[in-house]
C-alpha atoms as a PDB file:
ATOM      1  CA  MET A   1     127.239 223.413 109.941  1.00  0.00           C
ATOM      2  CA  GLY A   2     127.304 227.157 109.294  1.00  0.00           C
ATOM      3  CA  ASP A   3     129.799 228.887 107.016  1.00  0.00           C
ATOM      4  CA  ILE A   4     133.247 227.341 106.727  1.00  0.00           C
ATOM      5  CA  GLN A   5     136.091 229.852 106.627  1.00  0.00           C
ATOM      6  CA  THR A   6     138.250 229.166 103.580  1.00  0.00           C
ATOM      7  CA  SER A   7     141.473 229.125 105.592  1.00  0.00           C
ATOM      8  CA  LYS A   8     140.009 226.802 108.209  1.00  0.00           C
ATOM      9  CA  HIS A   9     138.745 224.428 105.525  1.00  0.00           C
ATOM     10  CA  SER A  10     142.136 224.410 103.803  1.00  0.00           C
ATOM     11  CA  GLU A  11     143.946 223.688 107.060  1.00  0.00           C
ATOM     12  CA  GLU A  12     141.625 220.807 107.967  1.00  0.00           C
ATOM     13  CA  ASN A  13     141.772 219.487 104.420  1.00  0.00           C
ATOM     14  CA  ARG A  14     145.572 219.349 104.573  1.00  0.00           C
ATOM     15  CA  ARG A  15     145.418 217.532 107.906  1.00  0.00           C
ATOM     16  CA  LEU A  16     143.086 214.924 106.490  1.00  0.00           C
ATOM     17  CA  GLU A  17     145.176 214.548 103.345  1.00  0.00           C
ATOM     18  CA  THR A  18     148.130 213.732 105.597  1.00  0.00           C
ATOM     19  CA  LEU A  19     145.999 211.253 107.505  1.00  0.00           C
ATOM     20  CA  VAL A  20     144.977 209.494 104.274  1.00  0.00           C
ATOM     21  CA  ASP A  21     148.581 209.452 103.050  1.00  0.00           C
ATOM     22  CA  GLN A  22     149.589 207.554 106.198  1.00  0.00           C
ATOM     23  CA  LEU A  23     147.406 204.628 105.148  1.00  0.00           C
ATOM     24  CA  ASP A  24     149.176 202.006 103.050  1.00  0.00           C
ATOM     25  CA  PRO A  25     146.807 199.826 100.955  1.00  0.00           C
ATOM     26  CA  ASN A  26     149.692 197.407 100.416  1.00  0.00           C
ATOM     27  CA  GLY A  27     150.548 196.986 104.093  1.00  0.00           C
ATOM     28  CA  GLU A  28     148.660 195.594 107.066  1.00  0.00           C
ATOM     29  CA  PRO A  29     145.041 196.820 107.365  1.00  0.00           C
ATOM     30  CA  GLN A  30     144.848 199.831 109.647  1.00  0.00           C
ATOM     31  CA  ILE A  31     142.598 202.757 110.497  1.00  0.00           C
ATOM     32  CA  ARG A  32     143.138 206.396 111.353  1.00  0.00           C
ATOM     33  CA  TRP A  33     140.586 208.222 113.472  1.00  0.00           C
ATOM     34  CA  VAL A  34     139.071 211.416 112.113  1.00  0.00           C
ATOM     35  CA  CYS A  35     136.884 211.818 115.205  1.00  0.00           C
ATOM     36  CA  ARG A  36     135.891 209.437 117.996  1.00  0.00           C
ATOM     37  CA  ALA A  37     132.393 209.466 119.475  1.00  0.00           C
ATOM     38  CA  ASP A  38     132.001 210.791 123.007  1.00  0.00           C
ATOM     39  CA  ARG A  39     130.006 207.624 123.678  1.00  0.00           C
ATOM     40  CA  HIS A  40     132.310 205.233 121.846  1.00  0.00           C
ATOM     41  CA  ILE A  41     132.373 201.612 122.936  1.00  0.00           C
ATOM     42  CA  LYS A  42     134.648 201.132 125.950  1.00  0.00           C
ATOM     43  CA  GLU A  43     133.715 197.630 127.122  1.00  0.00           C
ATOM     44  CA  GLY A  44     132.921 194.267 125.572  1.00  0.00           C
ATOM     45  CA  ASP A  45     129.523 192.886 124.580  1.00  0.00           C
ATOM     46  CA  ARG A  46     128.507 196.132 122.902  1.00  0.00           C
ATOM     47  CA  ARG A  47     127.276 196.560 119.327  1.00  0.00           C
ATOM     48  CA  LEU A  48     129.137 198.600 116.732  1.00  0.00           C
ATOM     49  CA  GLY A  49     127.300 199.540 113.545  1.00  0.00           C
ATOM     50  CA  ILE A  50     129.774 200.109 110.713  1.00  0.00           C
ATOM     51  CA  PHE A  51     128.668 202.077 107.681  1.00  0.00           C
ATOM     52  CA  SER A  52     131.377 201.767 105.066  1.00  0.00           C
ATOM     53  CA  GLY A  53     130.820 203.695 101.865  1.00  0.00           C
ATOM     54  CA  SER A  54     132.313 205.955  99.236  1.00  0.00           C
ATOM     55  CA  PHE A  55     130.257 208.904 100.593  1.00  0.00           C
ATOM     56  CA  ASN A  56     130.346 210.822  97.337  1.00  0.00           C
ATOM     57  CA  PRO A  57     128.344 212.441  98.918  1.00  0.00           C
ATOM     58  CA  LEU A  58     126.653 211.344 102.163  1.00  0.00           C
ATOM     59  CA  THR A  59     122.895 211.111 101.466  1.00  0.00           C
ATOM     60  CA  VAL A  60     119.608 210.992 103.338  1.00  0.00           C
ATOM     61  CA  ALA A  61     119.376 207.323 102.305  1.00  0.00           C
ATOM     62  CA  HIS A  62     122.611 206.560 104.146  1.00  0.00           C
ATOM     63  CA  ILE A  63     121.268 208.301 107.231  1.00  0.00           C
ATOM     64  CA  LYS A  64     117.892 206.565 107.044  1.00  0.00           C
ATOM     65  CA  MET A  65     119.653 203.192 106.827  1.00  0.00           C
ATOM     66  CA  ILE A  66     121.755 204.018 109.881  1.00  0.00           C
ATOM     67  CA  GLU A  67     118.768 205.247 111.892  1.00  0.00           C
ATOM     68  CA  ALA A  68     116.706 202.166 111.023  1.00  0.00           C
ATOM     69  CA  ALA A  69     119.569 199.807 111.887  1.00  0.00           C
ATOM     70  CA  GLN A  70     120.377 201.603 115.128  1.00  0.00           C
ATOM     71  CA  LYS A  71     116.779 201.555 116.295  1.00  0.00           C
ATOM     72  CA  LYS A  72     115.988 197.953 115.328  1.00  0.00           C
ATOM     73  CA  TYR A  73     119.229 196.318 116.446  1.00  0.00           C
ATOM     74  CA  ASN A  74     120.209 198.518 119.426  1.00  0.00           C
ATOM     75  CA  LEU A  75     123.585 199.640 118.119  1.00  0.00           C
ATOM     76  CA  ASP A  76     125.724 201.364 120.763  1.00  0.00           C
ATOM     77  CA  GLU A  77     128.008 203.243 118.378  1.00  0.00           C
ATOM     78  CA  ILE A  78     127.984 204.124 114.683  1.00  0.00           C
ATOM     79  CA  LEU A  79     131.235 204.234 112.736  1.00  0.00           C
ATOM     80  CA  LEU A  80     131.355 205.950 109.353  1.00  0.00           C
ATOM     81  CA  ILE A  81     134.396 204.532 107.599  1.00  0.00           C
ATOM     82  CA  LEU A  82     135.958 205.497 104.289  1.00  0.00           C
ATOM     83  CA  ALA A  83     138.528 203.216 102.650  1.00  0.00           C
ATOM     84  CA  ARG A  84     141.559 204.574 100.826  1.00  0.00           C
ATOM     85  CA  ALA A  85     141.547 201.452  98.667  1.00  0.00           C
ATOM     86  CA  ASN A  86     138.036 200.750  97.428  1.00  0.00           C
ATOM     87  CA  VAL A  87     137.386 197.395  95.780  1.00  0.00           C
ATOM     88  CA  ASP A  88     134.955 198.629  93.136  1.00  0.00           C
ATOM     89  CA  LYS A  89     135.153 202.350  92.629  1.00  0.00           C
ATOM     90  CA  GLY A  90     137.741 204.622  91.083  1.00  0.00           C
ATOM     91  CA  MET A  91     138.457 208.125  92.344  1.00  0.00           C
ATOM     92  CA  PHE A  92     136.174 210.928  91.127  1.00  0.00           C
ATOM     93  CA  GLY A  93     134.178 213.778  92.592  1.00  0.00           C
ATOM     94  CA  LEU A  94     135.151 214.865  96.109  1.00  0.00           C
ATOM     95  CA  SER A  95     138.669 214.102  97.307  1.00  0.00           C
ATOM     96  CA  LEU A  96     139.019 211.579 100.136  1.00  0.00           C
ATOM     97  CA  ALA A  97     140.019 214.418 102.478  1.00  0.00           C
ATOM     98  CA  ASP A  98     136.865 216.382 101.624  1.00  0.00           C
ATOM     99  CA  ARG A  99     134.698 213.316 102.114  1.00  0.00           C
ATOM    100  CA  LEU A 100     136.223 212.737 105.546  1.00  0.00           C
ATOM    101  CA  LEU A 101     135.679 216.385 106.461  1.00  0.00           C
ATOM    102  CA  MET A 102     132.060 216.120 105.328  1.00  0.00           C
ATOM    103  CA  LEU A 103     131.569 213.046 107.548  1.00  0.00           C
ATOM    104  CA  LYS A 104     133.261 214.780 110.467  1.00  0.00           C
ATOM    105  CA  LEU A 105     130.932 217.767 110.139  1.00  0.00           C
ATOM    106  CA  TYR A 106     127.917 215.460 110.140  1.00  0.00           C
ATOM    107  CA  ALA A 107     129.163 213.501 113.175  1.00  0.00           C
ATOM    108  CA  ALA A 108     130.192 216.573 115.174  1.00  0.00           C
ATOM    109  CA  ASN A 109     126.910 216.970 117.083  1.00  0.00           C
ATOM    110  CA  ARG A 110     126.155 213.254 117.417  1.00  0.00           C
ATOM    111  CA  GLU A 111     127.707 211.761 120.528  1.00  0.00           C
ATOM    112  CA  ASP A 112     127.514 208.141 119.317  1.00  0.00           C
ATOM    113  CA  PHE A 113     129.024 208.717 115.826  1.00  0.00           C
ATOM    114  CA  SER A 114     132.696 208.119 114.989  1.00  0.00           C
ATOM    115  CA  VAL A 115     134.533 208.670 111.701  1.00  0.00           C
ATOM    116  CA  ALA A 116     137.637 206.838 110.483  1.00  0.00           C
ATOM    117  CA  ALA A 117     139.665 206.160 107.344  1.00  0.00           C
ATOM    118  CA  CYS A 118     140.830 202.639 106.521  1.00  0.00           C
ATOM    119  CA  SER A 119     143.755 201.530 104.409  1.00  0.00           C
ATOM    120  CA  HIS A 120     141.906 198.596 102.843  1.00  0.00           C
ATOM    121  CA  GLY A 121     138.582 198.121 101.095  1.00  0.00           C
ATOM    122  CA  ARG A 122     137.384 194.595 101.835  1.00  0.00           C
ATOM    123  CA  PHE A 123     135.064 193.917 104.760  1.00  0.00           C
ATOM    124  CA  ILE A 124     137.351 191.283 106.291  1.00  0.00           C
ATOM    125  CA  GLU A 125     140.267 193.730 106.130  1.00  0.00           C
ATOM    126  CA  LYS A 126     138.221 196.425 107.846  1.00  0.00           C
ATOM    127  CA  ILE A 127     137.403 194.005 110.665  1.00  0.00           C
ATOM    128  CA  GLU A 128     141.106 193.209 110.999  1.00  0.00           C
ATOM    129  CA  ALA A 129     141.912 196.918 111.201  1.00  0.00           C
ATOM    130  CA  LEU A 130     139.127 197.651 113.721  1.00  0.00           C
ATOM    131  CA  LYS A 131     139.674 194.820 116.187  1.00  0.00           C
ATOM    132  CA  PRO A 132     142.639 196.452 117.982  1.00  0.00           C
ATOM    133  CA  ALA A 133     140.598 199.642 118.424  1.00  0.00           C
ATOM    134  CA  TYR A 134     137.680 198.003 120.263  1.00  0.00           C
ATOM    135  CA  PRO A 135     137.377 195.853 123.393  1.00  0.00           C
ATOM    136  CA  PRO A 136     137.298 192.059 123.022  1.00  0.00           C
ATOM    137  CA  GLY A 137     133.718 190.873 122.639  1.00  0.00           C
ATOM    138  CA  THR A 138     132.578 193.863 120.581  1.00  0.00           C
ATOM    139  CA  HIS A 139     129.908 192.817 118.091  1.00  0.00           C
ATOM    140  CA  PHE A 140     130.562 194.167 114.583  1.00  0.00           C
ATOM    141  CA  SER A 141     127.656 194.767 112.178  1.00  0.00           C
ATOM    142  CA  PHE A 142     128.067 196.270 108.713  1.00  0.00           C
ATOM    143  CA  ILE A 143     125.113 198.351 107.527  1.00  0.00           C
ATOM    144  CA  VAL A 144     124.775 197.940 103.757  1.00  0.00           C
ATOM    145  CA  GLY A 145     122.311 198.233 100.909  1.00  0.00           C
ATOM    146  CA  TYR A 146     121.205 195.299  98.801  1.00  0.00           C
ATOM    147  CA  ASP A 147     123.509 196.297  95.938  1.00  0.00           C
ATOM    148  CA  THR A 148     126.578 196.099  98.183  1.00  0.00           C
ATOM    149  CA  PHE A 149     125.331 192.985  99.954  1.00  0.00           C
ATOM    150  CA  ILE A 150     124.847 190.956  96.776  1.00  0.00           C
ATOM    151  CA  ARG A 151     128.457 191.637  95.762  1.00  0.00           C
ATOM    152  CA  LEU A 152     129.559 189.692  98.837  1.00  0.00           C
ATOM    153  CA  PHE A 153     128.634 186.513  96.992  1.00  0.00           C
ATOM    154  CA  ASP A 154     130.338 187.330  93.686  1.00  0.00           C
ATOM    155  CA  PRO A 155     133.080 184.716  93.099  1.00  0.00           C
ATOM    156  CA  LYS A 156     135.245 187.204  91.186  1.00  0.00           C
ATOM    157  CA  TYR A 157     136.358 188.732  94.503  1.00  0.00           C
ATOM    158  CA  TYR A 158     137.646 185.468  95.978  1.00  0.00           C
ATOM    159  CA  ILE A 159     140.069 182.630  95.458  1.00  0.00           C
ATOM    160  CA  ASP A 160     138.030 180.496  97.883  1.00  0.00           C
ATOM    161  CA  LEU A 161     134.488 181.911  98.038  1.00  0.00           C
ATOM    162  CA  HIS A 162     133.082 179.935 100.948  1.00  0.00           C
ATOM    163  CA  GLY A 163     136.313 179.907 102.907  1.00  0.00           C
ATOM    164  CA  ALA A 164     136.359 183.697 102.769  1.00  0.00           C
ATOM    165  CA  LEU A 165     132.650 184.028 103.553  1.00  0.00           C
ATOM    166  CA  GLU A 166     132.890 181.713 106.541  1.00  0.00           C
ATOM    167  CA  ALA A 167     135.807 183.739 107.916  1.00  0.00           C
ATOM    168  CA  LEU A 168     133.855 186.969 107.399  1.00  0.00           C
ATOM    169  CA  PHE A 169     130.511 185.870 108.836  1.00  0.00           C
ATOM    170  CA  ASP A 170     132.312 184.311 111.792  1.00  0.00           C
ATOM    171  CA  GLN A 171     133.413 187.800 112.819  1.00  0.00           C
ATOM    172  CA  CYS A 172     130.531 190.096 111.897  1.00  0.00           C
ATOM    173  CA  ARG A 173     126.902 190.448 110.900  1.00  0.00           C
ATOM    174  CA  PHE A 174     125.305 192.330 108.008  1.00  0.00           C
ATOM    175  CA  ILE A 175     122.301 194.610 108.384  1.00  0.00           C
ATOM    176  CA  VAL A 176     120.864 194.860 104.882  1.00  0.00           C
ATOM    177  CA  ALA A 177     118.478 197.482 103.493  1.00  0.00           C
ATOM    178  CA  ASN A 178     116.334 197.322 100.370  1.00  0.00           C
ATOM    179  CA  ARG A 179     117.673 199.422  97.487  1.00  0.00           C
ATOM    180  CA  GLN A 180     116.179 200.517  94.179  1.00  0.00           C
ATOM    181  CA  ALA A 181     114.029 197.671  92.797  1.00  0.00           C
ATOM    182  CA  HIS A 182     115.253 195.105  95.353  1.00  0.00           C
ATOM    183  CA  ASP A 183     112.974 194.852  98.390  1.00  0.00           C
ATOM    184  CA  VAL A 184     113.514 193.048 101.695  1.00  0.00           C
ATOM    185  CA  ASP A 185     112.156 189.832 100.197  1.00  0.00           C
ATOM    186  CA  ALA A 186     115.041 189.915  97.716  1.00  0.00           C
ATOM    187  CA  VAL A 187     117.469 189.754 100.649  1.00  0.00           C
ATOM    188  CA  ARG A 188     115.604 186.791 102.118  1.00  0.00           C
ATOM    189  CA  GLN A 189     115.592 185.023  98.756  1.00  0.00           C
ATOM    190  CA  VAL A 190     119.376 185.280  98.521  1.00  0.00           C
ATOM    191  CA  MET A 191     119.770 183.744 101.953  1.00  0.00           C
ATOM    192  CA  GLU A 192     117.386 180.905 101.084  1.00  0.00           C
ATOM    193  CA  GLU A 193     119.640 179.771  98.239  1.00  0.00           C
ATOM    194  CA  LEU A 194     121.221 176.441  99.057  1.00  0.00           C
ATOM    195  CA  ASP A 195     124.792 177.734  98.862  1.00  0.00           C
ATOM    196  CA  TYR A 196     124.146 180.624 101.265  1.00  0.00           C
ATOM    197  CA  ARG A 197     121.731 179.259 103.883  1.00  0.00           C
ATOM    198  CA  ARG A 198     124.608 178.637 106.261  1.00  0.00           C
ATOM    199  CA  TYR A 199     125.113 182.407 106.562  1.00  0.00           C
ATOM    200  CA  ALA A 200     121.449 183.394 106.944  1.00  0.00           C
ATOM    201  CA  SER A 201     121.609 183.652 110.737  1.00  0.00           C
ATOM    202  CA  CYS A 202     124.164 186.468 110.359  1.00  0.00           C
ATOM    203  CA  VAL A 203     122.003 188.627 108.079  1.00  0.00           C
ATOM    204  CA  ASP A 204     119.503 191.117 109.519  1.00  0.00           C
ATOM    205  CA  PRO A 205     117.084 192.988 107.211  1.00  0.00           C
ATOM    206  CA  ILE A 206     115.828 196.542 107.525  1.00  0.00           C
ATOM    207  CA  GLU A 207     113.216 198.125 105.282  1.00  0.00           C
ATOM    208  CA  LEU A 208     113.453 201.647 103.894  1.00  0.00           C
ATOM    209  CA  PRO A 209     110.491 203.658 102.581  1.00  0.00           C
ATOM    210  CA  ASP A 210     110.454 203.738  98.776  1.00  0.00           C
ATOM    211  CA  PHE A 211     111.732 207.328  98.580  1.00  0.00           C
ATOM    212  CA  TYR A 212     114.928 206.546 100.506  1.00  0.00           C
ATOM    213  CA  ALA A 213     115.455 203.212  98.771  1.00  0.00           C
ATOM    214  CA  LYS A 214     115.746 205.067  95.467  1.00  0.00           C
ATOM    215  CA  VAL A 215     118.126 207.848  96.522  1.00  0.00           C
ATOM    216  CA  SER A 216     121.667 207.401  95.197  1.00  0.00           C
ATOM    217  CA  SER A 217     124.892 209.393  95.318  1.00  0.00           C
ATOM    218  CA  THR A 218     125.204 208.986  91.555  1.00  0.00           C
ATOM    219  CA  ASP A 219     121.883 210.749  90.923  1.00  0.00           C
ATOM    220  CA  ILE A 220     122.760 213.505  93.385  1.00  0.00           C
ATOM    221  CA  ARG A 221     125.990 214.276  91.555  1.00  0.00           C
ATOM    222  CA  VAL A 222     124.134 214.451  88.252  1.00  0.00           C
ATOM    223  CA  GLN A 223     121.456 216.724  89.723  1.00  0.00           C
ATOM    224  CA  ILE A 224     124.055 219.123  91.137  1.00  0.00           C
ATOM    225  CA  GLN A 225     125.900 219.284  87.837  1.00  0.00           C
ATOM    226  CA  ALA A 226     122.605 220.052  86.111  1.00  0.00           C
ATOM    227  CA  GLY A 227     122.094 222.975  88.495  1.00  0.00           C
ATOM    228  CA  ASN A 228     119.193 221.390  90.406  1.00  0.00           C
ATOM    229  CA  SER A 229     118.657 221.578  94.152  1.00  0.00           C
ATOM    230  CA  VAL A 230     119.464 218.438  96.159  1.00  0.00           C
ATOM    231  CA  ASN A 231     118.559 219.849  99.562  1.00  0.00           C
ATOM    232  CA  HIS A 232     115.961 217.124 100.043  1.00  0.00           C
ATOM    233  CA  LEU A 233     118.522 214.414  99.219  1.00  0.00           C
ATOM    234  CA  VAL A 234     121.399 215.233 101.587  1.00  0.00           C
ATOM    235  CA  PRO A 235     121.567 216.163 105.297  1.00  0.00           C
ATOM    236  CA  SER A 236     121.667 219.884 106.079  1.00  0.00           C
ATOM    237  CA  GLU A 237     125.341 219.744 107.137  1.00  0.00           C
ATOM    238  CA  VAL A 238     126.177 218.214 103.772  1.00  0.00           C
ATOM    239  CA  GLN A 239     124.148 220.846 101.887  1.00  0.00           C
ATOM    240  CA  GLU A 240     126.312 223.614 103.327  1.00  0.00           C
ATOM    241  CA  PHE A 241     129.538 221.706 102.762  1.00  0.00           C
ATOM    242  CA  LEU A 242     128.822 220.927  99.121  1.00  0.00           C
ATOM    243  CA  LYS A 243     128.053 224.587  98.476  1.00  0.00           C
ATOM    244  CA  THR A 244     131.241 225.685 100.226  1.00  0.00           C
ATOM    245  CA  VAL A 245     133.537 223.432  98.198  1.00  0.00           C
ATOM    246  CA  GLN A 246     131.463 223.864  95.011  1.00  0.00           C
ATOM    247  CA  ALA A 247     131.276 220.108  94.599  1.00  0.00           C
ATOM    248  CA  TYR A 248     130.237 218.480  91.317  1.00  0.00           C
ATOM    249  CA  GLN A 249     129.901 221.744  89.447  1.00  0.00           C
ATOM    250  CA  ALA A 250     129.384 221.744  85.690  1.00  0.00           C
ATOM    251  CA  SER A 251     133.106 222.147  85.034  1.00  0.00           C
ATOM    252  CA  THR A 252     133.897 218.988  87.020  1.00  0.00           C
ATOM    253  CA  PRO A 253     133.579 215.631  85.204  1.00  0.00           C
ATOM    254  CA  ILE A 254     131.001 213.425  86.914  1.00  0.00           C
ATOM    255  CA  GLN A 255     130.970 209.643  86.661  1.00  0.00           C
ATOM    256  CA  THR A 256     127.421 208.367  86.241  1.00  0.00           C
ATOM    257  CA  GLY A 257     128.091 204.623  86.229  1.00  0.00           C
ATOM    258  CA  VAL A 258     125.676 201.983  87.434  1.00  0.00           C
ATOM    259  CA  VAL A 259     127.091 201.448  90.927  1.00  0.00           C
ATOM    260  CA  HIS A 260     125.116 203.308  93.583  1.00  0.00           C
ATOM    261  CA  SER A 261     126.523 204.317  96.950  1.00  0.00           C
END
């Protein structure tokens, strides 16, 4: 990424703050483009891999998941998407504008990577927001970890669990990676449960090496606050960015909850 001039960073940060402010979590689902891939999908019957996260920060585990999904399932474009309204997580650490700038810096030299912000946090709402931006017949696949995937089936998020799941799986697939102590077999076991077998054909597993399966944004924030190097845990572009904005320093409160990005 190289050094970021303070004035340039401030200017871009203000632009992205304005972009985020344009998104209304109480209105119709919509997206705003931060950057569009040179090789973005322009015709139907192409595959879009959507990585939706809190990116606090972007980690090598996120990237490994994307690379594995792209290679195994022939994804034509990758979209990194950050929601203004997140279903599970409060606001802490990097601002949304800084997270979007971080993603933009990572995507800058990758011709098949796009970055966008979304007004809404639920998967079905993101699909609704994305459909107008892509040609009819585009195949949508969310790339997620096991921890995110299992929350899909939590009744607390729904009035009508199976009605909502049927509507979701009718419009997209899920590419699911092992995370922490949950291996690929854990994904298969979920889909073998009687209540969820009907959705199994829309779930595609990928397997991460143990090192990447255990990397989490939560741990990275804690390590930075403790003064430890995280260069092996984040992409090089992110290393430089975090140093520039002095993210997660000891004076900044860090949430260490149990949810991993």
